[in-house]
N, C-alpha and C. Protein backbone atom coordinates (compact mmCIF):
# COMPACT_ATOMS: atom_id res chain seq x y z
N MET A 1 -140.65 -78.22 149.83
CA MET A 1 -139.32 -78.77 150.04
C MET A 1 -138.30 -77.65 149.94
N LYS A 2 -137.35 -77.65 150.84
CA LYS A 2 -136.32 -76.63 150.83
C LYS A 2 -135.36 -76.83 149.67
N LYS A 3 -134.83 -75.73 149.17
CA LYS A 3 -133.85 -75.80 148.10
C LYS A 3 -132.64 -76.59 148.57
N GLY A 4 -132.16 -77.50 147.71
CA GLY A 4 -130.99 -78.29 148.05
C GLY A 4 -131.30 -79.59 148.76
N CYS A 5 -132.53 -79.79 149.22
CA CYS A 5 -132.89 -81.04 149.89
C CYS A 5 -133.11 -82.13 148.84
N SER A 6 -132.70 -83.34 149.18
CA SER A 6 -132.89 -84.43 148.24
C SER A 6 -134.31 -84.97 148.33
N LYS A 7 -134.72 -85.60 147.26
CA LYS A 7 -136.07 -86.18 147.22
C LYS A 7 -136.09 -87.50 147.99
N VAL A 8 -137.27 -87.92 148.36
CA VAL A 8 -137.48 -89.15 149.10
C VAL A 8 -137.74 -90.28 148.10
N LYS A 9 -136.93 -91.33 148.17
CA LYS A 9 -137.10 -92.47 147.27
C LYS A 9 -138.23 -93.36 147.78
N ALA A 10 -139.15 -93.67 146.86
CA ALA A 10 -140.31 -94.49 147.20
C ALA A 10 -140.34 -95.74 146.34
N ALA A 11 -140.26 -96.89 146.97
CA ALA A 11 -140.38 -98.17 146.27
C ALA A 11 -141.84 -98.45 145.97
N ILE A 12 -142.07 -99.23 144.91
CA ILE A 12 -143.43 -99.67 144.58
C ILE A 12 -143.42 -101.19 144.51
N VAL A 13 -144.18 -101.82 145.40
CA VAL A 13 -144.37 -103.27 145.38
C VAL A 13 -145.70 -103.52 144.69
N GLY A 14 -145.66 -104.30 143.62
CA GLY A 14 -146.85 -104.50 142.80
C GLY A 14 -146.87 -103.54 141.63
N PHE A 15 -145.71 -103.23 141.11
CA PHE A 15 -145.55 -102.24 140.05
C PHE A 15 -146.35 -102.56 138.79
N THR A 16 -146.50 -103.83 138.44
CA THR A 16 -147.07 -104.19 137.15
C THR A 16 -148.60 -104.11 137.09
N GLY A 17 -149.25 -103.87 138.19
CA GLY A 17 -150.71 -103.73 138.19
C GLY A 17 -151.16 -102.30 137.97
N TYR A 18 -152.45 -102.10 137.85
CA TYR A 18 -153.01 -100.78 137.59
C TYR A 18 -152.60 -99.77 138.66
N THR A 19 -152.72 -100.14 139.92
CA THR A 19 -152.39 -99.22 141.01
C THR A 19 -150.90 -98.87 141.00
N GLY A 20 -150.05 -99.85 140.71
CA GLY A 20 -148.62 -99.59 140.61
C GLY A 20 -148.29 -98.60 139.51
N LEU A 21 -148.97 -98.73 138.38
CA LEU A 21 -148.74 -97.80 137.27
C LEU A 21 -149.22 -96.40 137.61
N GLU A 22 -150.33 -96.30 138.32
CA GLU A 22 -150.81 -94.99 138.76
C GLU A 22 -149.84 -94.36 139.76
N LEU A 23 -149.26 -95.18 140.62
CA LEU A 23 -148.27 -94.67 141.57
C LEU A 23 -147.06 -94.10 140.84
N VAL A 24 -146.64 -94.73 139.76
CA VAL A 24 -145.52 -94.19 138.96
C VAL A 24 -145.87 -92.78 138.51
N ARG A 25 -147.06 -92.62 137.97
CA ARG A 25 -147.48 -91.31 137.47
C ARG A 25 -147.54 -90.29 138.61
N LEU A 26 -148.13 -90.67 139.73
CA LEU A 26 -148.28 -89.75 140.86
C LEU A 26 -146.92 -89.38 141.48
N ILE A 27 -146.06 -90.35 141.63
CA ILE A 27 -144.73 -90.08 142.20
C ILE A 27 -143.94 -89.17 141.26
N HIS A 28 -144.05 -89.43 139.96
CA HIS A 28 -143.34 -88.61 138.98
C HIS A 28 -143.75 -87.14 139.08
N LEU A 29 -145.01 -86.88 139.38
CA LEU A 29 -145.52 -85.51 139.48
C LEU A 29 -145.31 -84.89 140.86
N HIS A 30 -144.98 -85.70 141.85
CA HIS A 30 -144.87 -85.22 143.22
C HIS A 30 -143.60 -84.39 143.42
N PRO A 31 -143.69 -83.29 144.15
CA PRO A 31 -142.52 -82.42 144.31
C PRO A 31 -141.45 -82.97 145.26
N VAL A 32 -141.79 -83.90 146.12
CA VAL A 32 -140.84 -84.39 147.13
C VAL A 32 -140.40 -85.83 146.88
N LEU A 33 -141.22 -86.62 146.20
CA LEU A 33 -140.92 -88.03 146.00
C LEU A 33 -140.22 -88.29 144.68
N GLU A 34 -139.44 -89.37 144.65
CA GLU A 34 -138.91 -89.89 143.40
C GLU A 34 -139.07 -91.40 143.42
N ILE A 35 -139.13 -91.99 142.23
CA ILE A 35 -139.33 -93.43 142.12
C ILE A 35 -138.06 -94.14 142.57
N GLY A 36 -138.25 -95.05 143.52
CA GLY A 36 -137.15 -95.88 144.00
C GLY A 36 -137.16 -97.20 143.25
N THR A 37 -137.01 -98.29 143.97
CA THR A 37 -137.01 -99.60 143.34
C THR A 37 -138.43 -100.04 143.02
N LEU A 38 -138.54 -100.86 141.96
CA LEU A 38 -139.82 -101.41 141.53
C LEU A 38 -139.81 -102.91 141.79
N HIS A 39 -140.95 -103.43 142.27
CA HIS A 39 -141.01 -104.85 142.64
C HIS A 39 -142.29 -105.49 142.13
N SER A 40 -142.15 -106.74 141.70
CA SER A 40 -143.29 -107.52 141.23
C SER A 40 -143.06 -108.98 141.56
N HIS A 41 -144.11 -109.70 141.89
CA HIS A 41 -143.95 -111.12 142.17
C HIS A 41 -143.96 -111.94 140.87
N SER A 42 -144.42 -111.34 139.76
CA SER A 42 -144.56 -112.10 138.52
C SER A 42 -143.62 -111.68 137.39
N VAL A 43 -143.05 -110.48 137.45
CA VAL A 43 -142.22 -109.98 136.35
C VAL A 43 -140.90 -109.45 136.92
N GLN A 44 -139.79 -109.93 136.37
CA GLN A 44 -138.49 -109.41 136.75
C GLN A 44 -137.69 -109.14 135.48
N GLU A 45 -137.81 -107.93 134.96
CA GLU A 45 -137.05 -107.48 133.80
C GLU A 45 -137.09 -105.97 133.78
N ASN A 46 -136.64 -105.34 132.71
CA ASN A 46 -136.65 -103.89 132.65
C ASN A 46 -138.07 -103.39 132.44
N SER A 47 -138.42 -102.30 133.11
CA SER A 47 -139.78 -101.76 133.03
C SER A 47 -140.18 -101.36 131.62
N VAL A 48 -139.22 -100.93 130.80
CA VAL A 48 -139.53 -100.52 129.41
C VAL A 48 -139.94 -101.73 128.57
N ASN A 49 -139.41 -102.90 128.88
CA ASN A 49 -139.81 -104.12 128.16
C ASN A 49 -141.28 -104.46 128.43
N VAL A 50 -141.74 -104.15 129.62
CA VAL A 50 -143.10 -104.47 130.01
C VAL A 50 -144.07 -103.36 129.60
N TYR A 51 -143.67 -102.10 129.82
CA TYR A 51 -144.50 -100.94 129.51
C TYR A 51 -143.69 -99.90 128.73
N PRO A 52 -143.51 -100.12 127.42
CA PRO A 52 -142.69 -99.19 126.63
C PRO A 52 -143.22 -97.75 126.64
N HIS A 53 -144.53 -97.59 126.80
CA HIS A 53 -145.11 -96.24 126.79
C HIS A 53 -144.74 -95.43 128.02
N LEU A 54 -144.15 -96.06 129.02
CA LEU A 54 -143.77 -95.34 130.25
C LEU A 54 -142.28 -94.98 130.29
N GLN A 55 -141.57 -95.16 129.18
CA GLN A 55 -140.12 -94.96 129.22
C GLN A 55 -139.71 -93.54 129.59
N GLN A 56 -140.57 -92.56 129.40
CA GLN A 56 -140.25 -91.19 129.82
C GLN A 56 -140.37 -91.03 131.34
N LEU A 57 -141.15 -91.89 131.97
CA LEU A 57 -141.35 -91.80 133.42
C LEU A 57 -140.45 -92.73 134.21
N VAL A 58 -140.25 -93.93 133.68
CA VAL A 58 -139.48 -94.93 134.42
C VAL A 58 -138.81 -95.88 133.43
N ASN A 59 -137.52 -96.11 133.67
CA ASN A 59 -136.75 -97.03 132.83
C ASN A 59 -135.73 -97.71 133.74
N GLN A 60 -136.16 -98.74 134.41
CA GLN A 60 -135.29 -99.44 135.35
C GLN A 60 -135.74 -100.87 135.53
N ARG A 61 -134.93 -101.64 136.19
CA ARG A 61 -135.21 -103.06 136.42
C ARG A 61 -136.36 -103.23 137.42
N ILE A 62 -137.15 -104.26 137.19
CA ILE A 62 -138.20 -104.67 138.14
C ILE A 62 -137.64 -105.86 138.91
N TYR A 63 -137.63 -105.76 140.22
CA TYR A 63 -137.06 -106.79 141.09
C TYR A 63 -138.15 -107.64 141.73
N PRO A 64 -137.81 -108.86 142.16
CA PRO A 64 -138.74 -109.62 143.00
C PRO A 64 -138.84 -108.94 144.37
N PHE A 65 -139.85 -109.28 145.11
CA PHE A 65 -140.03 -108.70 146.45
C PHE A 65 -138.85 -109.09 147.32
N ASP A 66 -138.17 -108.10 147.87
CA ASP A 66 -137.02 -108.32 148.74
C ASP A 66 -137.04 -107.24 149.82
N PRO A 67 -137.53 -107.56 151.01
CA PRO A 67 -137.66 -106.55 152.06
C PRO A 67 -136.34 -105.87 152.42
N LEU A 68 -135.25 -106.62 152.41
CA LEU A 68 -133.96 -106.02 152.76
C LEU A 68 -133.53 -104.99 151.71
N GLN A 69 -133.69 -105.33 150.44
CA GLN A 69 -133.37 -104.38 149.38
C GLN A 69 -134.24 -103.14 149.47
N ILE A 70 -135.52 -103.35 149.72
CA ILE A 70 -136.45 -102.22 149.83
C ILE A 70 -136.02 -101.29 150.95
N MET A 71 -135.68 -101.86 152.12
CA MET A 71 -135.27 -101.03 153.26
C MET A 71 -133.94 -100.34 153.03
N GLN A 72 -133.02 -100.97 152.33
CA GLN A 72 -131.70 -100.39 152.10
C GLN A 72 -131.70 -99.29 151.05
N GLU A 73 -132.56 -99.41 150.03
CA GLU A 73 -132.49 -98.51 148.89
C GLU A 73 -133.59 -97.45 148.84
N ASN A 74 -134.52 -97.49 149.77
CA ASN A 74 -135.67 -96.58 149.75
C ASN A 74 -135.95 -96.04 151.14
N GLU A 75 -136.70 -94.96 151.15
CA GLU A 75 -137.10 -94.37 152.43
C GLU A 75 -138.60 -94.55 152.68
N LEU A 76 -139.31 -94.98 151.65
CA LEU A 76 -140.76 -95.13 151.71
C LEU A 76 -141.14 -96.27 150.78
N VAL A 77 -142.22 -96.98 151.10
CA VAL A 77 -142.68 -98.05 150.21
C VAL A 77 -144.19 -97.99 150.07
N PHE A 78 -144.64 -98.13 148.83
CA PHE A 78 -146.06 -98.23 148.53
C PHE A 78 -146.35 -99.67 148.15
N PHE A 79 -147.39 -100.24 148.76
CA PHE A 79 -147.82 -101.60 148.42
C PHE A 79 -149.05 -101.51 147.53
N ALA A 80 -148.87 -101.90 146.27
CA ALA A 80 -149.94 -101.78 145.28
C ALA A 80 -150.35 -103.15 144.77
N ASP A 81 -150.22 -104.14 145.61
CA ASP A 81 -150.57 -105.50 145.22
C ASP A 81 -151.80 -105.94 146.01
N THR A 82 -152.38 -107.04 145.61
CA THR A 82 -153.57 -107.51 146.32
C THR A 82 -153.21 -107.96 147.72
N GLY A 83 -154.15 -107.90 148.60
CA GLY A 83 -153.92 -108.31 149.99
C GLY A 83 -153.50 -109.75 150.11
N LEU A 84 -154.04 -110.63 149.27
CA LEU A 84 -153.68 -112.05 149.34
C LEU A 84 -152.23 -112.28 148.97
N VAL A 85 -151.77 -111.62 147.93
CA VAL A 85 -150.37 -111.76 147.52
C VAL A 85 -149.46 -111.22 148.60
N LEU A 86 -149.78 -110.05 149.12
CA LEU A 86 -148.95 -109.45 150.16
C LEU A 86 -148.92 -110.29 151.43
N ALA A 87 -150.06 -110.81 151.82
CA ALA A 87 -150.11 -111.64 153.02
C ALA A 87 -149.21 -112.87 152.86
N LYS A 88 -149.24 -113.47 151.69
CA LYS A 88 -148.41 -114.65 151.43
C LYS A 88 -146.93 -114.29 151.49
N ILE A 89 -146.56 -113.19 150.84
CA ILE A 89 -145.16 -112.76 150.81
C ILE A 89 -144.69 -112.39 152.21
N TRP A 90 -145.46 -111.57 152.91
CA TRP A 90 -145.04 -111.11 154.25
C TRP A 90 -144.96 -112.25 155.23
N SER A 91 -145.92 -113.17 155.19
CA SER A 91 -145.89 -114.27 156.16
C SER A 91 -144.64 -115.12 155.98
N ARG A 92 -144.21 -115.31 154.74
CA ARG A 92 -142.99 -116.08 154.48
C ARG A 92 -141.78 -115.38 155.09
N HIS A 93 -141.69 -114.06 154.93
CA HIS A 93 -140.55 -113.32 155.46
C HIS A 93 -140.62 -113.17 156.97
N LEU A 94 -141.80 -113.00 157.50
CA LEU A 94 -141.94 -112.89 158.95
C LEU A 94 -141.57 -114.20 159.63
N SER A 95 -141.97 -115.32 159.02
CA SER A 95 -141.64 -116.61 159.62
C SER A 95 -140.14 -116.88 159.57
N ASN A 96 -139.45 -116.25 158.62
CA ASN A 96 -137.99 -116.39 158.55
C ASN A 96 -137.28 -115.31 159.37
N LYS A 97 -138.05 -114.47 160.02
CA LYS A 97 -137.51 -113.38 160.86
C LYS A 97 -136.63 -112.43 160.04
N THR A 98 -137.01 -112.20 158.80
CA THR A 98 -136.26 -111.30 157.92
C THR A 98 -136.17 -109.89 158.48
N PHE A 99 -137.20 -109.47 159.21
CA PHE A 99 -137.28 -108.09 159.67
C PHE A 99 -136.72 -107.89 161.06
N LEU A 100 -136.37 -108.96 161.74
CA LEU A 100 -135.92 -108.83 163.13
C LEU A 100 -134.43 -108.73 163.25
C-alpha cells in the first residue's frame, strides 16, 4: 500500500461465529484492510459485551444485517455465516428489490 493511502473498510456478516472472529483477527493483521461494520442476525449490541477478550481488536456496535448500510459504510464485505442463514436473508432482500 502506498504511503498516505487509506485502508479498505471490510464489513463482517456473521461476526459472532467462529469464522467471523477469525476474520477480525485476520483483518486486524492485514496491511490494507480495516474492520468496518459488524453484523449478526442474532446479536445486536456492543462487541465488547459479547467478546470482552477482543476489546483490543474491536470495540463497536454489532448491527443486524442491512445491505444498504453495508454498501454505504464499507468497500468490501465478508460473509461468515452459514449458507442457510444467508440464503434466507438475501432472498428476503432480493424479493424486496433492496439492491436494485
